[in-house]
Amino acid sequence: MIPGGGQPNMQQLLKQAQKMQEDLAAAQQELAETEVEGSAGGGLVKATVTGAGELRGLVIDPKAVDPEDTETLADLVVAAVHNANASAQELQQQKLGPLAQGLGGMPGLPF
């Protein structure tokens, strides 16, 4: 039988929620510090983003630069950034997914 007439131990629930919040903050900090790379055009353009999706670097191989065709270069840049962001989202799912699932069962939390 559960003490207190079936009511969950509020202090225990608050401790669990605080631990989950701390774990979530730590995972978000780790994501902000972790860098992932994406590329396009067979590596002619490389973009580096954080796990949180912040663009940190962009490397363009001189072979990709054609003054007569800047549209292709722009497309390669967009594709490289998109590729890097896809990797960042995958990393977010790995780091935050289990934490968000744990929080999903807690009443009043928007997960």
PDB file of N, CA and C in Angstrom:
ATOM      1  N   MET A   1       0.841  -1.184   0.000  1.00  0.00           N
ATOM      2  CA  MET A   1       0.000   0.000   0.000  1.00  0.00           C
ATOM      3  C   MET A   1       0.886   1.247   0.000  1.00  0.00           C
ATOM      4  N   ILE A   2       0.505   2.249  -0.751  1.00  0.00           N
ATOM      5  CA  ILE A   2       1.274   3.493  -0.840  1.00  0.00           C
ATOM      6  C   ILE A   2       0.899   4.396   0.326  1.00  0.00           C
ATOM      7  N   PRO A   3       1.904   4.867   1.088  1.00  0.00           N
ATOM      8  CA  PRO A   3       1.591   5.772   2.203  1.00  0.00           C
ATOM      9  C   PRO A   3       0.927   7.051   1.698  1.00  0.00           C
ATOM     10  N   GLY A   4       0.063   7.619   2.533  1.00  0.00           N
ATOM     11  CA  GLY A   4      -0.575   8.888   2.172  1.00  0.00           C
ATOM     12  C   GLY A   4      -1.796   8.708   1.306  1.00  0.00           C
ATOM     13  N   GLY A   5      -2.403   7.535   1.341  1.00  0.00           N
ATOM     14  CA  GLY A   5      -3.647   7.335   0.600  1.00  0.00           C
ATOM     15  C   GLY A   5      -3.453   7.274  -0.904  1.00  0.00           C
ATOM     16  N   GLY A   6      -2.335   6.759  -1.364  1.00  0.00           N
ATOM     17  CA  GLY A   6      -2.119   6.602  -2.797  1.00  0.00           C
ATOM     18  C   GLY A   6      -1.487   7.797  -3.468  1.00  0.00           C
ATOM     19  N   GLN A   7      -1.185   8.829  -2.735  1.00  0.00           N
ATOM     20  CA  GLN A   7      -0.542  10.014  -3.321  1.00  0.00           C
ATOM     21  C   GLN A   7       0.959   9.764  -3.473  1.00  0.00           C
ATOM     22  N   PRO A   8       1.534  10.136  -4.613  1.00  0.00           N
ATOM     23  CA  PRO A   8       2.973   9.964  -4.769  1.00  0.00           C
ATOM     24  C   PRO A   8       3.727  10.898  -3.820  1.00  0.00           C
ATOM     25  N   ASN A   9       4.906  10.505  -3.462  1.00  0.00           N
ATOM     26  CA  ASN A   9       5.757  11.302  -2.585  1.00  0.00           C
ATOM     27  C   ASN A   9       6.207  12.535  -3.357  1.00  0.00           C
ATOM     28  N   MET A  10       5.661  13.704  -3.012  1.00  0.00           N
ATOM     29  CA  MET A  10       5.947  14.941  -3.751  1.00  0.00           C
ATOM     30  C   MET A  10       7.419  15.323  -3.665  1.00  0.00           C
ATOM     31  N   GLN A  11       8.024  15.097  -2.516  1.00  0.00           N
ATOM     32  CA  GLN A  11       9.438  15.442  -2.372  1.00  0.00           C
ATOM     33  C   GLN A  11      10.283  14.589  -3.313  1.00  0.00           C
ATOM     34  N   GLN A  12       9.943  13.323  -3.419  1.00  0.00           N
ATOM     35  CA  GLN A  12      10.672  12.435  -4.319  1.00  0.00           C
ATOM     36  C   GLN A  12      10.466  12.864  -5.775  1.00  0.00           C
ATOM     37  N   LEU A  13       9.233  13.217  -6.139  1.00  0.00           N
ATOM     38  CA  LEU A  13       8.954  13.681  -7.494  1.00  0.00           C
ATOM     39  C   LEU A  13       9.726  14.960  -7.816  1.00  0.00           C
ATOM     40  N   LEU A  14       9.796  15.865  -6.858  1.00  0.00           N
ATOM     41  CA  LEU A  14      10.537  17.109  -7.078  1.00  0.00           C
ATOM     42  C   LEU A  14      12.024  16.838  -7.251  1.00  0.00           C
ATOM     43  N   LYS A  15      12.560  15.896  -6.491  1.00  0.00           N
ATOM     44  CA  LYS A  15      13.975  15.530  -6.641  1.00  0.00           C
ATOM     45  C   LYS A  15      14.226  14.941  -8.023  1.00  0.00           C
ATOM     46  N   GLN A  16      13.329  14.072  -8.467  1.00  0.00           N
ATOM     47  CA  GLN A  16      13.467  13.467  -9.796  1.00  0.00           C
ATOM     48  C   GLN A  16      13.400  14.535 -10.881  1.00  0.00           C
ATOM     49  N   ALA A  17      12.469  15.466 -10.735  1.00  0.00           N
ATOM     50  CA  ALA A  17      12.329  16.537 -11.728  1.00  0.00           C
ATOM     51  C   ALA A  17      13.574  17.412 -11.745  1.00  0.00           C
ATOM     52  N   GLN A  18      14.120  17.717 -10.569  1.00  0.00           N
ATOM     53  CA  GLN A  18      15.328  18.540 -10.500  1.00  0.00           C
ATOM     54  C   GLN A  18      16.504  17.816 -11.138  1.00  0.00           C
ATOM     55  N   LYS A  19      16.633  16.512 -10.905  1.00  0.00           N
ATOM     56  CA  LYS A  19      17.719  15.721 -11.500  1.00  0.00           C
ATOM     57  C   LYS A  19      17.585  15.709 -13.016  1.00  0.00           C
ATOM     58  N   MET A  20      16.378  15.507 -13.505  1.00  0.00           N
ATOM     59  CA  MET A  20      16.146  15.500 -14.953  1.00  0.00           C
ATOM     60  C   MET A  20      16.474  16.865 -15.551  1.00  0.00           C
ATOM     61  N   GLN A  21      16.109  17.922 -14.850  1.00  0.00           N
ATOM     62  CA  GLN A  21      16.398  19.275 -15.333  1.00  0.00           C
ATOM     63  C   GLN A  21      17.902  19.502 -15.388  1.00  0.00           C
ATOM     64  N   GLU A  22      18.622  19.029 -14.376  1.00  0.00           N
ATOM     65  CA  GLU A  22      20.078  19.166 -14.360  1.00  0.00           C
ATOM     66  C   GLU A  22      20.708  18.359 -15.499  1.00  0.00           C
ATOM     67  N   ASP A  23      20.212  17.143 -15.711  1.00  0.00           N
ATOM     68  CA  ASP A  23      20.711  16.303 -16.798  1.00  0.00           C
ATOM     69  C   ASP A  23      20.451  16.956 -18.153  1.00  0.00           C
ATOM     70  N   LEU A  24      19.276  17.537 -18.311  1.00  0.00           N
ATOM     71  CA  LEU A  24      18.920  18.217 -19.552  1.00  0.00           C
ATOM     72  C   LEU A  24      19.830  19.416 -19.791  1.00  0.00           C
ATOM     73  N   ALA A  25      20.083  20.210 -18.768  1.00  0.00           N
ATOM     74  CA  ALA A  25      20.966  21.369 -18.897  1.00  0.00           C
ATOM     75  C   ALA A  25      22.379  20.932 -19.259  1.00  0.00           C
ATOM     76  N   ALA A  26      22.854  19.852 -18.655  1.00  0.00           N
ATOM     77  CA  ALA A  26      24.194  19.345 -18.958  1.00  0.00           C
ATOM     78  C   ALA A  26      24.270  18.862 -20.404  1.00  0.00           C
ATOM     79  N   ALA A  27      23.231  18.177 -20.865  1.00  0.00           N
ATOM     80  CA  ALA A  27      23.208  17.694 -22.253  1.00  0.00           C
ATOM     81  C   ALA A  27      23.156  18.867 -23.232  1.00  0.00           C
ATOM     82  N   GLN A  28      22.391  19.900 -22.910  1.00  0.00           N
ATOM     83  CA  GLN A  28      22.320  21.073 -23.782  1.00  0.00           C
ATOM     84  C   GLN A  28      23.671  21.784 -23.839  1.00  0.00           C
ATOM     85  N   GLN A  29      24.367  21.864 -22.726  1.00  0.00           N
ATOM     86  CA  GLN A  29      25.690  22.481 -22.694  1.00  0.00           C
ATOM     87  C   GLN A  29      26.671  21.677 -23.544  1.00  0.00           C
ATOM     88  N   GLU A  30      26.584  20.355 -23.428  1.00  0.00           N
ATOM     89  CA  GLU A  30      27.455  19.494 -24.225  1.00  0.00           C
ATOM     90  C   GLU A  30      27.180  19.682 -25.717  1.00  0.00           C
ATOM     91  N   LEU A  31      25.906  19.799 -26.074  1.00  0.00           N
ATOM     92  CA  LEU A  31      25.551  20.035 -27.478  1.00  0.00           C
ATOM     93  C   LEU A  31      26.117  21.361 -27.972  1.00  0.00           C
ATOM     94  N   ALA A  32      26.046  22.385 -27.146  1.00  0.00           N
ATOM     95  CA  ALA A  32      26.541  23.705 -27.543  1.00  0.00           C
ATOM     96  C   ALA A  32      28.047  23.687 -27.777  1.00  0.00           C
ATOM     97  N   GLU A  33      28.754  22.766 -27.128  1.00  0.00           N
ATOM     98  CA  GLU A  33      30.201  22.703 -27.252  1.00  0.00           C
ATOM     99  C   GLU A  33      30.682  21.696 -28.295  1.00  0.00           C
ATOM    100  N   THR A  34      29.815  20.777 -28.697  1.00  0.00           N
ATOM    101  CA  THR A  34      30.189  19.732 -29.651  1.00  0.00           C
ATOM    102  C   THR A  34      30.004  20.252 -31.073  1.00  0.00           C
ATOM    103  N   GLU A  35      31.005  20.022 -31.924  1.00  0.00           N
ATOM    104  CA  GLU A  35      30.915  20.460 -33.317  1.00  0.00           C
ATOM    105  C   GLU A  35      30.754  19.260 -34.233  1.00  0.00           C
ATOM    106  N   VAL A  36      29.912  19.428 -35.252  1.00  0.00           N
ATOM    107  CA  VAL A  36      29.727  18.421 -36.290  1.00  0.00           C
ATOM    108  C   VAL A  36      29.934  19.100 -37.634  1.00  0.00           C
ATOM    109  N   GLU A  37      30.278  18.300 -38.635  1.00  0.00           N
ATOM    110  CA  GLU A  37      30.580  18.854 -39.954  1.00  0.00           C
ATOM    111  C   GLU A  37      29.640  18.281 -41.001  1.00  0.00           C
ATOM    112  N   GLY A  38      29.345  19.106 -41.970  1.00  0.00           N
ATOM    113  CA  GLY A  38      28.585  18.674 -43.129  1.00  0.00           C
ATOM    114  C   GLY A  38      29.318  19.139 -44.366  1.00  0.00           C
ATOM    115  N   SER A  39      29.096  18.452 -45.481  1.00  0.00           N
ATOM    116  CA  SER A  39      29.798  18.860 -46.699  1.00  0.00           C
ATOM    117  C   SER A  39      28.893  18.696 -47.913  1.00  0.00           C
ATOM    118  N   ALA A  40      29.331  19.306 -49.002  1.00  0.00           N
ATOM    119  CA  ALA A  40      28.598  19.219 -50.267  1.00  0.00           C
ATOM    120  C   ALA A  40      29.607  19.287 -51.402  1.00  0.00           C
ATOM    121  N   GLY A  41      29.169  18.848 -52.561  1.00  0.00           N
ATOM    122  CA  GLY A  41      30.035  18.907 -53.738  1.00  0.00           C
ATOM    123  C   GLY A  41      31.266  18.040 -53.603  1.00  0.00           C
ATOM    124  N   GLY A  42      31.108  16.886 -52.973  1.00  0.00           N
ATOM    125  CA  GLY A  42      32.250  15.995 -52.804  1.00  0.00           C
ATOM    126  C   GLY A  42      33.325  16.594 -51.906  1.00  0.00           C
ATOM    127  N   GLY A  43      32.920  17.432 -50.960  1.00  0.00           N
ATOM    128  CA  GLY A  43      33.867  18.030 -50.031  1.00  0.00           C
ATOM    129  C   GLY A  43      34.381  19.391 -50.459  1.00  0.00           C
ATOM    130  N   LEU A  44      33.850  19.942 -51.561  1.00  0.00           N
ATOM    131  CA  LEU A  44      34.286  21.272 -52.007  1.00  0.00           C
ATOM    132  C   LEU A  44      33.869  22.355 -51.015  1.00  0.00           C
ATOM    133  N   VAL A  45      32.746  22.136 -50.342  1.00  0.00           N
ATOM    134  CA  VAL A  45      32.274  23.078 -49.331  1.00  0.00           C
ATOM    135  C   VAL A  45      31.998  22.289 -48.054  1.00  0.00           C
ATOM    136  N   LYS A  46      32.567  22.762 -46.943  1.00  0.00           N
ATOM    137  CA  LYS A  46      32.375  22.105 -45.651  1.00  0.00           C
ATOM    138  C   LYS A  46      31.871  23.127 -44.645  1.00  0.00           C
ATOM    139  N   ALA A  47      30.846  22.743 -43.901  1.00  0.00           N
ATOM    140  CA  ALA A  47      30.281  23.607 -42.870  1.00  0.00           C
ATOM    141  C   ALA A  47      30.423  22.909 -41.525  1.00  0.00           C
ATOM    142  N   THR A  48      30.769  23.690 -40.517  1.00  0.00           N
ATOM    143  CA  THR A  48      30.869  23.175 -39.154  1.00  0.00           C
ATOM    144  C   THR A  48      29.828  23.892 -38.308  1.00  0.00           C
ATOM    145  N   VAL A  49      29.005  23.105 -37.611  1.00  0.00           N
ATOM    146  CA  VAL A  49      27.989  23.664 -36.717  1.00  0.00           C
ATOM    147  C   VAL A  49      28.118  22.988 -35.359  1.00  0.00           C
ATOM    148  N   THR A  50      27.587  23.646 -34.342  1.00  0.00           N
ATOM    149  CA  THR A  50      27.536  23.018 -33.029  1.00  0.00           C
ATOM    150  C   THR A  50      26.367  22.056 -33.011  1.00  0.00           C
ATOM    151  N   GLY A  51      26.350  21.215 -31.987  1.00  0.00           N
ATOM    152  CA  GLY A  51      25.225  20.304 -31.812  1.00  0.00           C
ATOM    153  C   GLY A  51      23.920  21.042 -31.600  1.00  0.00           C
ATOM    154  N   ALA A  52      24.014  22.322 -31.232  1.00  0.00           N
ATOM    155  CA  ALA A  52      22.825  23.151 -31.054  1.00  0.00           C
ATOM    156  C   ALA A  52      22.418  23.842 -32.362  1.00  0.00           C
ATOM    157  N   GLY A  53      23.201  23.649 -33.440  1.00  0.00           N
ATOM    158  CA  GLY A  53      22.843  24.205 -34.740  1.00  0.00           C
ATOM    159  C   GLY A  53      23.468  25.548 -35.070  1.00  0.00           C
ATOM    160  N   GLU A  54      24.415  26.025 -34.269  1.00  0.00           N
ATOM    161  CA  GLU A  54      25.070  27.314 -34.530  1.00  0.00           C
ATOM    162  C   GLU A  54      26.207  27.119 -35.535  1.00  0.00           C
ATOM    163  N   LEU A  55      26.169  27.868 -36.628  1.00  0.00           N
ATOM    164  CA  LEU A  55      27.219  27.786 -37.652  1.00  0.00           C
ATOM    165  C   LEU A  55      28.514  28.343 -37.080  1.00  0.00           C
ATOM    166  N   ARG A  56      29.564  27.529 -37.086  1.00  0.00           N
ATOM    167  CA  ARG A  56      30.849  27.939 -36.526  1.00  0.00           C
ATOM    168  C   ARG A  56      31.924  28.147 -37.588  1.00  0.00           C
ATOM    169  N   GLY A  57      31.807  27.449 -38.711  1.00  0.00           N
ATOM    170  CA  GLY A  57      32.846  27.573 -39.719  1.00  0.00           C
ATOM    171  C   GLY A  57      32.354  27.156 -41.085  1.00  0.00           C
ATOM    172  N   LEU A  58      33.017  27.703 -42.093  1.00  0.00           N
ATOM    173  CA  LEU A  58      32.684  27.397 -43.473  1.00  0.00           C
ATOM    174  C   LEU A  58      33.972  27.395 -44.271  1.00  0.00           C
ATOM    175  N   VAL A  59      34.267  26.275 -44.934  1.00  0.00           N
ATOM    176  CA  VAL A  59      35.475  26.154 -45.740  1.00  0.00           C
ATOM    177  C   VAL A  59      35.051  25.910 -47.179  1.00  0.00           C
ATOM    178  N   ILE A  60      35.576  26.754 -48.074  1.00  0.00           N
ATOM    179  CA  ILE A  60      35.246  26.630 -49.495  1.00  0.00           C
ATOM    180  C   ILE A  60      36.538  26.364 -50.261  1.00  0.00           C
ATOM    181  N   ASP A  61      36.586  25.226 -50.934  1.00  0.00           N
ATOM    182  CA  ASP A  61      37.738  24.878 -51.760  1.00  0.00           C
ATOM    183  C   ASP A  61      37.783  25.852 -52.940  1.00  0.00           C
ATOM    184  N   PRO A  62      38.954  26.393 -53.266  1.00  0.00           N
ATOM    185  CA  PRO A  62      39.053  27.333 -54.396  1.00  0.00           C
ATOM    186  C   PRO A  62      38.497  26.772 -55.706  1.00  0.00           C
ATOM    187  N   LYS A  63      38.500  25.444 -55.864  1.00  0.00           N
ATOM    188  CA  LYS A  63      37.948  24.832 -57.087  1.00  0.00           C
ATOM    189  C   LYS A  63      36.447  25.089 -57.216  1.00  0.00           C
ATOM    190  N   ALA A  64      35.798  25.383 -56.110  1.00  0.00           N
ATOM    191  CA  ALA A  64      34.345  25.609 -56.126  1.00  0.00           C
ATOM    192  C   ALA A  64      34.004  27.041 -56.523  1.00  0.00           C
ATOM    193  N   VAL A  65      35.008  27.912 -56.601  1.00  0.00           N
ATOM    194  CA  VAL A  65      34.762  29.327 -56.866  1.00  0.00           C
ATOM    195  C   VAL A  65      34.894  29.603 -58.361  1.00  0.00           C
ATOM    196  N   ASP A  66      33.757  29.906 -58.963  1.00  0.00           N
ATOM    197  CA  ASP A  66      33.714  30.282 -60.377  1.00  0.00           C
ATOM    198  C   ASP A  66      32.958  31.605 -60.455  1.00  0.00           C
ATOM    199  N   PRO A  67      33.667  32.709 -60.739  1.00  0.00           N
ATOM    200  CA  PRO A  67      33.004  34.016 -60.772  1.00  0.00           C
ATOM    201  C   PRO A  67      31.814  34.072 -61.735  1.00  0.00           C
ATOM    202  N   GLU A  68      31.819  33.195 -62.713  1.00  0.00           N
ATOM    203  CA  GLU A  68      30.730  33.172 -63.692  1.00  0.00           C
ATOM    204  C   GLU A  68      29.521  32.364 -63.193  1.00  0.00           C
ATOM    205  N   ASP A  69      29.700  31.617 -62.100  1.00  0.00           N
ATOM    206  CA  ASP A  69      28.631  30.752 -61.617  1.00  0.00           C
ATOM    207  C   ASP A  69      28.562  30.783 -60.089  1.00  0.00           C
ATOM    208  N   THR A  70      28.145  31.905 -59.567  1.00  0.00           N
ATOM    209  CA  THR A  70      28.044  32.021 -58.103  1.00  0.00           C
ATOM    210  C   THR A  70      26.830  31.275 -57.553  1.00  0.00           C
ATOM    211  N   GLU A  71      25.847  30.992 -58.400  1.00  0.00           N
ATOM    212  CA  GLU A  71      24.662  30.262 -57.939  1.00  0.00           C
ATOM    213  C   GLU A  71      25.015  28.856 -57.480  1.00  0.00           C
ATOM    214  N   THR A  72      25.882  28.186 -58.208  1.00  0.00           N
ATOM    215  CA  THR A  72      26.286  26.835 -57.823  1.00  0.00           C
ATOM    216  C   THR A  72      27.014  26.866 -56.485  1.00  0.00           C
ATOM    217  N   LEU A  73      27.888  27.846 -56.305  1.00  0.00           N
ATOM    218  CA  LEU A  73      28.593  27.980 -55.031  1.00  0.00           C
ATOM    219  C   LEU A  73      27.600  28.216 -53.893  1.00  0.00           C
ATOM    220  N   ALA A  74      26.646  29.087 -54.120  1.00  0.00           N
ATOM    221  CA  ALA A  74      25.631  29.354 -53.094  1.00  0.00           C
ATOM    222  C   ALA A  74      24.851  28.082 -52.770  1.00  0.00           C
ATOM    223  N   ASP A  75      24.499  27.307 -53.796  1.00  0.00           N
ATOM    224  CA  ASP A  75      23.781  26.053 -53.575  1.00  0.00           C
ATOM    225  C   ASP A  75      24.619  25.074 -52.759  1.00  0.00           C
ATOM    226  N   LEU A  76      25.931  25.026 -53.043  1.00  0.00           N
ATOM    227  CA  LEU A  76      26.821  24.139 -52.300  1.00  0.00           C
ATOM    228  C   LEU A  76      26.918  24.565 -50.831  1.00  0.00           C
ATOM    229  N   VAL A  77      26.967  25.864 -50.590  1.00  0.00           N
ATOM    230  CA  VAL A  77      27.036  26.372 -49.220  1.00  0.00           C
ATOM    231  C   VAL A  77      25.763  25.996 -48.468  1.00  0.00           C
ATOM    232  N   VAL A  78      24.622  26.226 -49.082  1.00  0.00           N
ATOM    233  CA  VAL A  78      23.346  25.884 -48.454  1.00  0.00           C
ATOM    234  C   VAL A  78      23.279  24.382 -48.184  1.00  0.00           C
ATOM    235  N   ALA A  79      23.700  23.575 -49.133  1.00  0.00           N
ATOM    236  CA  ALA A  79      23.656  22.123 -48.965  1.00  0.00           C
ATOM    237  C   ALA A  79      24.590  21.666 -47.842  1.00  0.00           C
ATOM    238  N   ALA A  80      25.774  22.252 -47.750  1.00  0.00           N
ATOM    239  CA  ALA A  80      26.720  21.875 -46.701  1.00  0.00           C
ATOM    240  C   ALA A  80      26.182  22.249 -45.321  1.00  0.00           C
ATOM    241  N   VAL A  81      25.610  23.439 -45.215  1.00  0.00           N
ATOM    242  CA  VAL A  81      25.038  23.866 -43.935  1.00  0.00           C
ATOM    243  C   VAL A  81      23.847  22.976 -43.568  1.00  0.00           C
ATOM    244  N   HIS A  82      23.021  22.672 -44.553  1.00  0.00           N
ATOM    245  CA  HIS A  82      21.881  21.788 -44.313  1.00  0.00           C
ATOM    246  C   HIS A  82      22.363  20.415 -43.837  1.00  0.00           C
ATOM    247  N   ASN A  83      23.388  19.885 -44.480  1.00  0.00           N
ATOM    248  CA  ASN A  83      23.946  18.590 -44.108  1.00  0.00           C
ATOM    249  C   ASN A  83      24.491  18.623 -42.682  1.00  0.00           C
ATOM    250  N   ALA A  84      25.194  19.690 -42.337  1.00  0.00           N
ATOM    251  CA  ALA A  84      25.742  19.824 -40.984  1.00  0.00           C
ATOM    252  C   ALA A  84      24.614  19.935 -39.965  1.00  0.00           C
ATOM    253  N   ASN A  85      23.568  20.694 -40.278  1.00  0.00           N
ATOM    254  CA  ASN A  85      22.436  20.831 -39.354  1.00  0.00           C
ATOM    255  C   ASN A  85      21.694  19.506 -39.169  1.00  0.00           C
ATOM    256  N   ALA A  86      21.629  18.707 -40.222  1.00  0.00           N
ATOM    257  CA  ALA A  86      21.003  17.388 -40.097  1.00  0.00           C
ATOM    258  C   ALA A  86      21.808  16.533 -39.119  1.00  0.00           C
ATOM    259  N   SER A  87      23.126  16.619 -39.197  1.00  0.00           N
ATOM    260  CA  SER A  87      23.969  15.891 -38.246  1.00  0.00           C
ATOM    261  C   SER A  87      23.777  16.424 -36.832  1.00  0.00           C
ATOM    262  N   ALA A  88      23.624  17.728 -36.702  1.00  0.00           N
ATOM    263  CA  ALA A  88      23.399  18.337 -35.385  1.00  0.00           C
ATOM    264  C   ALA A  88      22.069  17.867 -34.802  1.00  0.00           C
ATOM    265  N   GLN A  89      21.027  17.776 -35.632  1.00  0.00           N
ATOM    266  CA  GLN A  89      19.725  17.316 -35.151  1.00  0.00           C
ATOM    267  C   GLN A  89      19.784  15.855 -34.711  1.00  0.00           C
ATOM    268  N   GLU A  90      20.553  15.063 -35.443  1.00  0.00           N
ATOM    269  CA  GLU A  90      20.734  13.663 -35.070  1.00  0.00           C
ATOM    270  C   GLU A  90      21.422  13.574 -33.700  1.00  0.00           C
ATOM    271  N   LEU A  91      22.436  14.407 -33.500  1.00  0.00           N
ATOM    272  CA  LEU A  91      23.142  14.454 -32.228  1.00  0.00           C
ATOM    273  C   LEU A  91      22.201  14.905 -31.105  1.00  0.00           C
ATOM    274  N   GLN A  92      21.342  15.877 -31.405  1.00  0.00           N
ATOM    275  CA  GLN A  92      20.365  16.343 -30.410  1.00  0.00           C
ATOM    276  C   GLN A  92      19.444  15.206 -29.986  1.00  0.00           C
ATOM    277  N   GLN A  93      19.003  14.427 -30.954  1.00  0.00           N
ATOM    278  CA  GLN A  93      18.102  13.302 -30.631  1.00  0.00           C
ATOM    279  C   GLN A  93      18.812  12.297 -29.740  1.00  0.00           C
ATOM    280  N   GLN A  94      20.090  12.041 -30.037  1.00  0.00           N
ATOM    281  CA  GLN A  94      20.842  11.083 -29.232  1.00  0.00           C
ATOM    282  C   GLN A  94      21.012  11.589 -27.802  1.00  0.00           C
ATOM    283  N   LYS A  95      21.289  12.872 -27.644  1.00  0.00           N
ATOM    284  CA  LYS A  95      21.572  13.436 -26.325  1.00  0.00           C
ATOM    285  C   LYS A  95      20.303  13.789 -25.553  1.00  0.00           C
ATOM    286  N   LEU A  96      19.327  14.375 -26.234  1.00  0.00           N
ATOM    287  CA  LEU A  96      18.149  14.894 -25.543  1.00  0.00           C
ATOM    288  C   LEU A  96      16.946  13.964 -25.594  1.00  0.00           C
ATOM    289  N   GLY A  97      16.903  13.095 -26.571  1.00  0.00           N
ATOM    290  CA  GLY A  97      15.749  12.213 -26.731  1.00  0.00           C
ATOM    291  C   GLY A  97      15.400  11.439 -25.482  1.00  0.00           C
ATOM    292  N   PRO A  98      16.364  10.706 -24.904  1.00  0.00           N
ATOM    293  CA  PRO A  98      16.041   9.944 -23.692  1.00  0.00           C
ATOM    294  C   PRO A  98      15.614  10.845 -22.522  1.00  0.00           C
ATOM    295  N   LEU A  99      16.200  12.021 -22.421  1.00  0.00           N
ATOM    296  CA  LEU A  99      15.833  12.944 -21.340  1.00  0.00           C
ATOM    297  C   LEU A  99      14.420  13.466 -21.543  1.00  0.00           C
ATOM    298  N   ALA A 100      14.075  13.808 -22.776  1.00  0.00           N
ATOM    299  CA  ALA A 100      12.734  14.325 -23.056  1.00  0.00           C
ATOM    300  C   ALA A 100      11.684  13.249 -22.811  1.00  0.00           C
ATOM    301  N   GLN A 101      12.013  12.000 -23.127  1.00  0.00           N
ATOM    302  CA  GLN A 101      11.070  10.912 -22.876  1.00  0.00           C
ATOM    303  C   GLN A 101      10.838  10.749 -21.379  1.00  0.00           C
ATOM    304  N   GLY A 102      11.905  10.888 -20.597  1.00  0.00           N
ATOM    305  CA  GLY A 102      11.782  10.787 -19.145  1.00  0.00           C
ATOM    306  C   GLY A 102      10.926  11.891 -18.574  1.00  0.00           C
ATOM    307  N   LEU A 103      11.017  13.083 -19.166  1.00  0.00           N
ATOM    308  CA  LEU A 103      10.228  14.207 -18.685  1.00  0.00           C
ATOM    309  C   LEU A 103       8.783  14.135 -19.168  1.00  0.00           C
ATOM    310  N   GLY A 104       8.552  13.387 -20.227  1.00  0.00           N
ATOM    311  CA  GLY A 104       7.212  13.318 -20.809  1.00  0.00           C
ATOM    312  C   GLY A 104       6.161  12.759 -19.868  1.00  0.00           C
ATOM    313  N   GLY A 105       6.581  11.934 -18.928  1.00  0.00           N
ATOM    314  CA  GLY A 105       5.624  11.350 -18.004  1.00  0.00           C
ATOM    315  C   GLY A 105       5.309  12.240 -16.810  1.00  0.00           C
ATOM    316  N   MET A 106       5.946  13.394 -16.726  1.00  0.00           N
ATOM    317  CA  MET A 106       5.743  14.261 -15.569  1.00  0.00           C
ATOM    318  C   MET A 106       4.615  15.253 -15.883  1.00  0.00           C
ATOM    319  N   PRO A 107       3.595  15.312 -15.049  1.00  0.00           N
ATOM    320  CA  PRO A 107       2.481  16.224 -15.310  1.00  0.00           C
ATOM    321  C   PRO A 107       2.931  17.688 -15.292  1.00  0.00           C
ATOM    322  N   GLY A 108       2.374  18.448 -16.199  1.00  0.00           N
ATOM    323  CA  GLY A 108       2.649  19.878 -16.233  1.00  0.00           C
ATOM    324  C   GLY A 108       3.870  20.273 -17.035  1.00  0.00           C
ATOM    325  N   LEU A 109       4.584  19.291 -17.606  1.00  0.00           N
ATOM    326  CA  LEU A 109       5.764  19.617 -18.418  1.00  0.00           C
ATOM    327  C   LEU A 109       5.413  19.479 -19.890  1.00  0.00           C
ATOM    328  N   PRO A 110       5.853  20.430 -20.716  1.00  0.00           N
ATOM    329  CA  PRO A 110       5.421  20.483 -22.127  1.00  0.00           C
ATOM    330  C   PRO A 110       6.210  19.550 -23.034  1.00  0.00           C
ATOM    331  N   PHE A 111       6.271  18.273 -22.742  1.00  0.00           N
ATOM    332  CA  PHE A 111       6.987  17.338 -23.605  1.00  0.00           C
ATOM    333  C   PHE A 111       6.049  16.267 -24.089  1.00  0.00           C
TER     334      PHE A 111
END
